[in-house]
Amino acid sequence: MNYDLILEELGEFGSWQQLIAVLLWLPAMIDGIEILMASVTGLSPNQFRCKFDSCVNDNGAFFPEFDSDFESSSNVLYDFYPNKDGSPDFCKHYQIVPDKDGICDFANPTINTNVTKSCGTDSTFYYDSFDMDDSYITDFDIVCDREIMLPIVNSLFMIGLMAGSFGFGVMSDKFGRKNTLIAAIICSAGGSLLQAFMPEFYSFTLFRMIAGAGAEGCFLIPFSLSIELVGIKERVPFLPWVSYSTLLANFLSVPLAGGEALVSAFGYFIKKWKTLQLVMSGICLSFSLIYFILPESPRWLISNGRYKEARALMEKAAKKNKKVISAHLLEEPGKDVEGGEETEGNKTPEAPKDDGQYGIRDMFHPSVRKISIALFVCWPVITLLYYGISFASEKFHLGGEDPFLGMILVSLIEIPSYLFLIIAQDVAGRKPLFVMCMLLPGISCIVAAFIGEGTFQIILILFAKFCISAAFNLTYVYTNELYPTNIRNTAVGICSTIARFGGIAAPWIGVYLPEQGSLPEWVPLFIFGLTSFIGGSLAMMLPDTIGHQLPDTFEDLEYIKANSKPMWKCVTGKKEDES
């Protein structure tokens, strides 16, 4: 039983495949929702302070209004200690002198500038109004000396993605795509749901990490399943140079970006962070109902010898596609077509088993050594920029004074990049797109770092996100095509694991650094730009795989390297399966 032969009669993208492709959009959205969930529920208040212990009448109602120039303003209450840049330090204030009864006159206070108090973990904090009614930052007091805990939330989320990439990948190979996908949905939605009930920061971040593990499975499994449904021969009617495999591989990232925008849009209307967490988690959990409609991967059923289930599934698929599949294509291997009995003469030879000769050491085989070195840099660089810009949309003021608009923009800008990739990657080739999608955001971020806030800076940052989103999607396809079959999954797994170190660093560079007065504001964007430029330069060492079949051996890879398409030459009608 050969699924590729069955597809020739079933059709690669009939009604059956179309329905499944749409269903797989739902779990892919969960990954996007979880990526930006903590950015919405963790919005920072514009102003806060700790309680003035010397004032018995301090109930937290008072917050001074600051002019743009804090130090020279004449109508400012000088109770906050000034930072080096002239802004108020909300974690340190001068002592307010009360009257004999301990009551302070906040309208015309008496300030003792010789005495300062620093807010600490034992302080009572008050928060001014901001874009949410509350957030986990205000609930858990993640400010002042606890501010360093803020990037830990998303760093642990990245560790969860790393664990989910490995764990759900292994489970899907052993237990099937369908069952593992539902487990991933429940893991992600359940972890997200329980975050709303956690009484303190550490348990909250633990379940954030669990939600991240499930979220990774919610994208990787649909990615594999959607590719396994189709072949590589049929082309998209209105894009005759694009295969359905290429279409689905890139299009699945569209609902991921939609999920990012969705949680930002809901945050615009739901101002209680726990309520938002519960609503979005409930939506994600409802996606598990696809279990009753979604079929198992036919390729997985066949490869695991579950031929009766595969045959029944193909018969249903043929009925849905209004096709008829020849009976001999649905026969089990080793069965006589007429009598259904296995004989010595018609036994199908067993495929040779993997001898285990490939392992991690072969990632540095002379044929792939330069490739591995380049990808070990490119993967974390792409992840750093992708998540760094997403997490820092509020800090970079991409939506002006509206943080929700900034998060929606930084999410939706991904969609045209994926559509562009569908059209371009089978024409321009992998290498030029991959290189330019790292060099261009590198240049954009470096320029944006020095021009200061404004419309042009916003355009440059969004353009960088557009490019790096395309690189993020392309890197999965490209890496699969650069390694021989017996090491391919190992290579993708190792690269994906290394990539998470870029993701772990993203909230520290993109969110934590901009809030520290000790470093210039241009530093985060400059780091993004410099690393991206280095990654793009190293990508020049990679061969272009377009026009070549997937390599099975290192000899095949050497042939690809020797006959790689020139960097700037476009493909003119040559299809991949002709080489």
Foldseek 3Di string as FASTA:
>chain_A
DDVVVQCVFLPFCFPVLVVQLVLLLQLLLLLLQLLCLQLLLVDDFPAKAFFQVLAPPCPQPDDWDADPQRPPDPQTDQFFDADPVRHGDRQKGFHWHAPPVSHADPNDTDTDNVHMDGDDPPTHMHGDDDLFPHHVCNQAVCDDVNVVCSLVLQLLLLVLLLLLLPVLVVCCLVPFLLVSLLVLLCQQLVLLLCLLVDNHDPSNSVSSSSNSSSSNSSQPSSLVLSLLSGDFPAADPVQRLFGSSLVSLLQSCQSSLVSLLVLLVVSNPHRNSSVSSNVSSVSSNVSSVCSVVHDTRLVSCVVVQVLVSSLVVSVVSCVSRVGDGDPVVSQRAQADPPPGHGDPVRHDDDDDDDPPPDDPVCCCPVLNNLVLVLLLLQLQLLLLLQSLCLSQQVVLCLVPSRSSVSNNLLSNLQNVLSVVCSNPCLWLFLLLLLLCLLLQLLVLLLVLLPPDDDDSSSVSSSVNSSSSSNNNSSVLVVQLQQDADVCSVVSSSVSSSSNSVSSSCSCCLRPVVCVDPVDDNSRSSNVSSVSSNVSSVSSVPDFTRRLEDRHNDSVSNVVCRVVGDPNGHTDDPRHNVPD
